[in-house]
C-alpha atoms as a PDB file:
ATOM      1  CA  MET A   1    -140.628  57.498-203.800  1.00  0.00           C
ATOM      2  CA  PRO A   2    -137.483  56.726-201.774  1.00  0.00           C
ATOM      3  CA  VAL A   3    -136.990  53.430-199.958  1.00  0.00           C
ATOM      4  CA  ARG A   4    -137.555  53.620-196.180  1.00  0.00           C
ATOM      5  CA  ARG A   5    -136.323  50.212-194.996  1.00  0.00           C
ATOM      6  CA  LEU A   6    -136.113  46.533-195.906  1.00  0.00           C
ATOM      7  CA  ASN A   7    -139.495  44.906-195.307  1.00  0.00           C
ATOM      8  CA  HIS A   8    -138.605  41.239-195.778  1.00  0.00           C
ATOM      9  CA  ALA A   9    -136.105  38.879-197.379  1.00  0.00           C
ATOM     10  CA  VAL A  10    -136.704  35.724-199.398  1.00  0.00           C
ATOM     11  CA  LEU A  11    -134.145  32.927-199.728  1.00  0.00           C
ATOM     12  CA  TYR A  12    -133.916  29.789-201.809  1.00  0.00           C
ATOM     13  CA  VAL A  13    -133.053  26.802-199.619  1.00  0.00           C
ATOM     14  CA  ARG A  14    -132.668  23.089-200.236  1.00  0.00           C
ATOM     15  CA  GLU A  15    -135.079  21.719-197.620  1.00  0.00           C
ATOM     16  CA  LEU A  16    -137.643  23.410-195.406  1.00  0.00           C
ATOM     17  CA  THR A  17    -137.267  20.606-192.849  1.00  0.00           C
ATOM     18  CA  ARG A  18    -133.722  21.888-192.133  1.00  0.00           C
ATOM     19  CA  SER A  19    -134.161  25.606-192.686  1.00  0.00           C
ATOM     20  CA  VAL A  20    -137.383  26.292-190.776  1.00  0.00           C
ATOM     21  CA  PRO A  21    -136.109  24.775-187.494  1.00  0.00           C
ATOM     22  CA  PHE A  22    -132.783  26.576-187.928  1.00  0.00           C
ATOM     23  CA  TYR A  23    -134.399  30.019-188.177  1.00  0.00           C
ATOM     24  CA  THR A  24    -137.073  29.375-185.546  1.00  0.00           C
ATOM     25  CA  GLU A  25    -134.674  27.870-182.998  1.00  0.00           C
ATOM     26  CA  THR A  26    -131.683  30.209-183.471  1.00  0.00           C
ATOM     27  CA  LEU A  27    -133.356  33.545-184.275  1.00  0.00           C
ATOM     28  CA  GLY A  28    -136.738  32.994-182.617  1.00  0.00           C
ATOM     29  CA  LEU A  29    -138.726  33.544-185.808  1.00  0.00           C
ATOM     30  CA  THR A  30    -142.171  31.940-185.910  1.00  0.00           C
ATOM     31  CA  VAL A  31    -143.918  30.297-188.843  1.00  0.00           C
ATOM     32  CA  ALA A  32    -146.684  32.523-190.193  1.00  0.00           C
ATOM     33  CA  VAL A  33    -147.584  30.310-193.181  1.00  0.00           C
ATOM     34  CA  GLU A  34    -146.105  27.094-194.534  1.00  0.00           C
ATOM     35  CA  VAL A  35    -146.812  25.300-197.800  1.00  0.00           C
ATOM     36  CA  PRO A  36    -145.402  21.801-197.093  1.00  0.00           C
ATOM     37  CA  ARG A  37    -142.162  21.005-198.964  1.00  0.00           C
ATOM     38  CA  GLN A  38    -142.499  24.213-201.031  1.00  0.00           C
ATOM     39  CA  ALA A  39    -142.356  27.422-199.000  1.00  0.00           C
ATOM     40  CA  ALA A  40    -142.441  28.902-195.517  1.00  0.00           C
ATOM     41  CA  PHE A  41    -143.008  32.461-194.379  1.00  0.00           C
ATOM     42  CA  LEU A  42    -141.513  33.379-191.000  1.00  0.00           C
ATOM     43  CA  ARG A  43    -142.136  36.377-188.773  1.00  0.00           C
ATOM     44  CA  ALA A  44    -139.956  38.065-186.159  1.00  0.00           C
ATOM     45  CA  ARG A  45    -141.318  38.649-182.660  1.00  0.00           C
ATOM     46  CA  ASP A  46    -143.324  41.896-182.453  1.00  0.00           C
ATOM     47  CA  SER A  47    -143.087  42.386-186.225  1.00  0.00           C
ATOM     48  CA  LEU A  48    -145.911  44.206-187.973  1.00  0.00           C
ATOM     49  CA  ASN A  49    -144.990  42.497-191.258  1.00  0.00           C
ATOM     50  CA  ASP A  50    -146.938  39.651-192.813  1.00  0.00           C
ATOM     51  CA  HIS A  51    -143.572  37.895-192.921  1.00  0.00           C
ATOM     52  CA  ASP A  52    -139.948  38.901-192.433  1.00  0.00           C
ATOM     53  CA  LEU A  53    -138.314  35.895-194.097  1.00  0.00           C
ATOM     54  CA  GLY A  54    -139.610  33.772-196.932  1.00  0.00           C
ATOM     55  CA  LEU A  55    -138.019  30.406-197.688  1.00  0.00           C
ATOM     56  CA  PHE A  56    -138.555  28.593-200.992  1.00  0.00           C
ATOM     57  CA  ALA A  57    -137.388  24.969-201.264  1.00  0.00           C
ATOM     58  CA  LEU A  58    -135.455  23.949-204.381  1.00  0.00           C
ATOM     59  CA  GLY A  59    -134.594  20.361-203.431  1.00  0.00           C
ATOM     60  CA  VAL A  60    -131.601  18.607-201.908  1.00  0.00           C
ATOM     61  CA  HIS A  61    -129.479  18.734-205.069  1.00  0.00           C
ATOM     62  CA  ALA A  62    -129.714  22.497-205.626  1.00  0.00           C
ATOM     63  CA  PRO A  63    -126.308  24.223-205.590  1.00  0.00           C
ATOM     64  CA  GLY A  64    -125.598  26.532-202.675  1.00  0.00           C
ATOM     65  CA  PRO A  65    -124.182  30.049-202.576  1.00  0.00           C
ATOM     66  CA  GLN A  66    -120.571  30.437-203.656  1.00  0.00           C
ATOM     67  CA  GLN A  67    -118.239  33.033-202.206  1.00  0.00           C
ATOM     68  CA  GLY A  68    -116.873  35.436-204.775  1.00  0.00           C
ATOM     69  CA  ARG A  69    -119.823  35.067-207.141  1.00  0.00           C
ATOM     70  CA  VAL A  70    -122.396  37.723-207.868  1.00  0.00           C
ATOM     71  CA  GLY A  71    -125.331  37.480-205.468  1.00  0.00           C
ATOM     72  CA  LEU A  72    -126.356  38.259-201.945  1.00  0.00           C
ATOM     73  CA  TYR A  73    -123.509  38.433-199.417  1.00  0.00           C
ATOM     74  CA  HIS A  74    -125.575  38.517-196.224  1.00  0.00           C
ATOM     75  CA  LEU A  75    -128.687  39.776-194.450  1.00  0.00           C
ATOM     76  CA  ALA A  76    -128.513  41.594-191.105  1.00  0.00           C
ATOM     77  CA  TRP A  77    -131.056  40.839-188.366  1.00  0.00           C
ATOM     78  CA  GLU A  78    -131.230  43.330-185.497  1.00  0.00           C
ATOM     79  CA  VAL A  79    -131.847  42.258-181.904  1.00  0.00           C
ATOM     80  CA  GLY A  80    -133.127  44.595-179.212  1.00  0.00           C
ATOM     81  CA  THR A  81    -130.565  44.011-176.460  1.00  0.00           C
ATOM     82  CA  LEU A  82    -126.998  42.839-175.945  1.00  0.00           C
ATOM     83  CA  GLY A  83    -128.405  40.048-173.785  1.00  0.00           C
ATOM     84  CA  GLU A  84    -130.319  38.791-176.821  1.00  0.00           C
ATOM     85  CA  LEU A  85    -127.157  39.027-178.934  1.00  0.00           C
ATOM     86  CA  ASP A  86    -125.260  37.006-176.319  1.00  0.00           C
ATOM     87  CA  GLU A  87    -128.051  34.401-176.187  1.00  0.00           C
ATOM     88  CA  THR A  88    -128.083  34.166-179.990  1.00  0.00           C
ATOM     89  CA  ALA A  89    -124.300  33.710-180.043  1.00  0.00           C
ATOM     90  CA  GLY A  90    -124.697  30.670-177.788  1.00  0.00           C
ATOM     91  CA  LYS A  91    -127.393  29.154-180.000  1.00  0.00           C
ATOM     92  CA  LEU A  92    -125.327  29.702-183.146  1.00  0.00           C
ATOM     93  CA  ARG A  93    -122.190  28.226-181.516  1.00  0.00           C
ATOM     94  CA  LYS A  94    -124.173  25.164-180.409  1.00  0.00           C
ATOM     95  CA  ARG A  95    -125.237  24.548-184.024  1.00  0.00           C
ATOM     96  CA  GLY A  96    -121.739  25.186-185.391  1.00  0.00           C
ATOM     97  CA  ALA A  97    -123.194  28.048-187.456  1.00  0.00           C
ATOM     98  CA  LEU A  98    -121.206  30.984-186.027  1.00  0.00           C
ATOM     99  CA  VAL A  99    -118.475  32.021-188.479  1.00  0.00           C
ATOM    100  CA  GLY A 100    -117.372  35.406-187.112  1.00  0.00           C
ATOM    101  CA  ALA A 101    -117.983  38.366-184.814  1.00  0.00           C
ATOM    102  CA  SER A 102    -117.124  42.045-185.288  1.00  0.00           C
ATOM    103  CA  ASP A 103    -117.363  45.362-183.504  1.00  0.00           C
ATOM    104  CA  HIS A 104    -118.309  47.977-186.114  1.00  0.00           C
ATOM    105  CA  LEU A 105    -118.334  50.753-183.474  1.00  0.00           C
ATOM    106  CA  VAL A 106    -121.962  51.565-184.400  1.00  0.00           C
ATOM    107  CA  SER A 107    -123.037  47.939-183.976  1.00  0.00           C
ATOM    108  CA  LYS A 108    -121.937  44.694-182.362  1.00  0.00           C
ATOM    109  CA  SER A 109    -122.266  41.875-184.887  1.00  0.00           C
ATOM    110  CA  LEU A 110    -122.263  38.103-185.169  1.00  0.00           C
ATOM    111  CA  TYR A 111    -121.924  36.339-188.533  1.00  0.00           C
ATOM    112  CA  ALA A 112    -123.338  32.896-189.206  1.00  0.00           C
ATOM    113  CA  LYS A 113    -124.371  30.540-191.985  1.00  0.00           C
ATOM    114  CA  ASP A 114    -127.647  28.667-192.255  1.00  0.00           C
ATOM    115  CA  PRO A 115    -127.768  24.957-193.251  1.00  0.00           C
ATOM    116  CA  ASP A 116    -127.531  25.903-196.955  1.00  0.00           C
ATOM    117  CA  GLY A 117    -124.562  28.245-196.528  1.00  0.00           C
ATOM    118  CA  ASN A 118    -126.540  31.504-196.718  1.00  0.00           C
ATOM    119  CA  GLU A 119    -124.643  34.005-194.587  1.00  0.00           C
ATOM    120  CA  PHE A 120    -126.404  36.385-192.222  1.00  0.00           C
ATOM    121  CA  GLU A 121    -125.528  38.880-189.521  1.00  0.00           C
ATOM    122  CA  VAL A 122    -127.195  39.295-186.140  1.00  0.00           C
ATOM    123  CA  MET A 123    -126.459  42.733-184.731  1.00  0.00           C
ATOM    124  CA  TRP A 124    -127.184  45.098-181.846  1.00  0.00           C
ATOM    125  CA  ARG A 125    -127.173  48.801-182.617  1.00  0.00           C
ATOM    126  CA  VAL A 126    -124.949  50.916-180.348  1.00  0.00           C
ATOM    127  CA  PRO A 127    -126.799  53.899-178.818  1.00  0.00           C
ATOM    128  CA  ARG A 128    -126.475  56.825-181.251  1.00  0.00           C
ATOM    129  CA  GLU A 129    -124.890  59.062-178.601  1.00  0.00           C
ATOM    130  CA  ASP A 130    -122.033  56.533-178.304  1.00  0.00           C
ATOM    131  CA  TRP A 131    -121.197  56.372-182.011  1.00  0.00           C
ATOM    132  CA  PRO A 132    -117.599  57.339-182.830  1.00  0.00           C
ATOM    133  CA  ASP A 133    -116.403  60.289-184.843  1.00  0.00           C
ATOM    134  CA  PRO A 134    -117.310  59.537-188.507  1.00  0.00           C
ATOM    135  CA  ASP A 135    -113.661  60.034-189.496  1.00  0.00           C
ATOM    136  CA  GLU A 136    -112.503  57.133-187.273  1.00  0.00           C
ATOM    137  CA  GLN A 137    -110.328  54.947-189.499  1.00  0.00           C
ATOM    138  CA  ASP A 138    -110.369  51.595-187.699  1.00  0.00           C
ATOM    139  CA  ARG A 139    -114.119  50.880-187.936  1.00  0.00           C
ATOM    140  CA  ILE A 140    -113.995  47.075-187.781  1.00  0.00           C
ATOM    141  CA  ARG A 141    -112.585  45.483-184.669  1.00  0.00           C
ATOM    142  CA  GLN A 142    -112.787  42.142-182.941  1.00  0.00           C
ATOM    143  CA  LEU A 143    -115.999  41.869-180.922  1.00  0.00           C
ATOM    144  CA  ASP A 144    -115.528  41.841-177.137  1.00  0.00           C
ATOM    145  CA  LEU A 145    -119.055  40.962-176.083  1.00  0.00           C
ATOM    146  CA  PRO A 146    -118.267  40.782-172.330  1.00  0.00           C
ATOM    147  CA  ALA A 147    -116.862  44.346-172.488  1.00  0.00           C
ATOM    148  CA  ALA A 148    -119.940  45.577-174.371  1.00  0.00           C
ATOM    149  CA  LEU A 149    -122.215  43.910-171.805  1.00  0.00           C
ATOM    150  CA  ALA A 150    -120.223  45.562-169.001  1.00  0.00           C
ATOM    151  CA  ARG A 151    -120.573  48.974-170.678  1.00  0.00           C
ATOM    152  CA  TRP A 152    -124.241  48.961-171.743  1.00  0.00           C
ATOM    153  CA  GLY A 153    -125.748  46.051-169.795  1.00  0.00           C
ATOM    154  CA  ALA A 154    -127.731  43.097-171.071  1.00  0.00           C
ATOM    155  CA  ASP A 155    -131.090  44.910-171.233  1.00  0.00           C
ATOM    156  CA  ARG A 156    -130.281  48.259-172.912  1.00  0.00           C
ATOM    157  CA  THR A 157    -132.460  48.768-176.008  1.00  0.00           C
ATOM    158  CA  THR A 158    -131.723  51.020-178.959  1.00  0.00           C
ATOM    159  CA  GLY A 159    -132.852  51.682-182.516  1.00  0.00           C
ATOM    160  CA  ALA A 160    -135.632  50.052-184.485  1.00  0.00           C
ATOM    161  CA  ALA A 161    -135.604  46.940-182.317  1.00  0.00           C
ATOM    162  CA  ALA A 162    -136.502  49.161-179.370  1.00  0.00           C
ATOM    163  CA  GLY A 163    -139.648  50.324-181.096  1.00  0.00           C
ATOM    164  CA  SER A 164    -138.572  53.489-182.901  1.00  0.00           C
ATOM    165  CA  VAL A 165    -139.753  54.090-186.435  1.00  0.00           C
ATOM    166  CA  THR A 166    -137.139  53.801-189.182  1.00  0.00           C
END
């Protein structure tokens, strides 16, 4: 049976008291279930999943992720509109969590780190009819969010976040 899509992700974190507010306040996830000081299960708005992100607390002295070591590089969270991407960029900047932004031609992406150093991407999918030729060589460019907003508008929806089945 082939895989259809990622259903949820689970991360080890140091403290739920830091991580839960980070994900609820920056990405708008809500707490579905929490086991105090041990685990939390968060859900994205309009998600049909039991949870989209699980967090398991290891304690304040647990080592964090290290770049260049085997393990997860990042997760990508999709938003429904460029306006939501712009709003998320502001929230991540305010927390000092934003570490990069890229235009992948098929998506507009922000990169950030949570309080434990876990990296994640927040992206908006470009409408399929506007994707470039697959042979395009320069597929990663600097993100110009104002130009993208001018082209597609703040409320244009596409992809799975717009309700299509993946």
